[in-house]
């Protein structure tokens, strides 16, 4: 079950060092080669030895924390991975390896025409996700369900029947990604959200489209995170990028 996580960690070199880590209310950020983000999880009762020790560590050692069951540590680990992977250099390298960069922007907009009339599952209650129900047979799975959502155990029953599965990358933090990918093997699978790493390991494990972001204005994004802001507060300071494993079979 750790294969995906080991692959993500293996992509990080020993040389990169951590410059700064911010664990904000909504988002966690790590600065090294670039800035990487990961969703912050509620953690009122969790204790960690990490605070006060992150700066100056190798990014790889911090990245290994993605395997922690402590949500603070796992979020820091994922943001550390993204601080190396989510940059222009990585995008260019992936294109050189044959992966295809698609139109930038929202993954939901990218697939708007493709999902019409199809069975679509969205794992994670994204803003305005209910608008998709106008165009497809929509199921939203959420660990903390809102009105109309299904609880996340429903994944075991419905994902195998879907045509498209949009999966929040925060599932990497709570360790549900491997099972969700297994259940979604018959669908076109899109991993999306600010926590998403641009990693070929995701393609190897069954993801068809990686929809993540590159931070373009690091100081502003960091300020928003420190002040408790969410994606809406820094959305103009990042660029959403979509990369496909195999364009021919999807578009």
Foldseek 3Di string as FASTA:
>chain_A
DCVLLVQLLVVADQPWFWADWDQFPFWIWTAIQAIAIFGQDDQPPDDDPPPPPRGGHGLSVQLNQCPPQRLSSVRSNLRSSQNPQQDPVNVVVVVVVPWDWDDWDDPCVVCLPVAFAFEEEEEDDDPPPVVSVVGYNYAYEYCPDDPRHHHNVCLVPPLLPGAEYEYEPNCSNNVCVLVSQVSNQNYQYEYEDQSFGPGCSVVVSHHFKYKHKGFQDVVQVVVCRNVRHDCVSCVVRIIIIMIGPDPVVRD
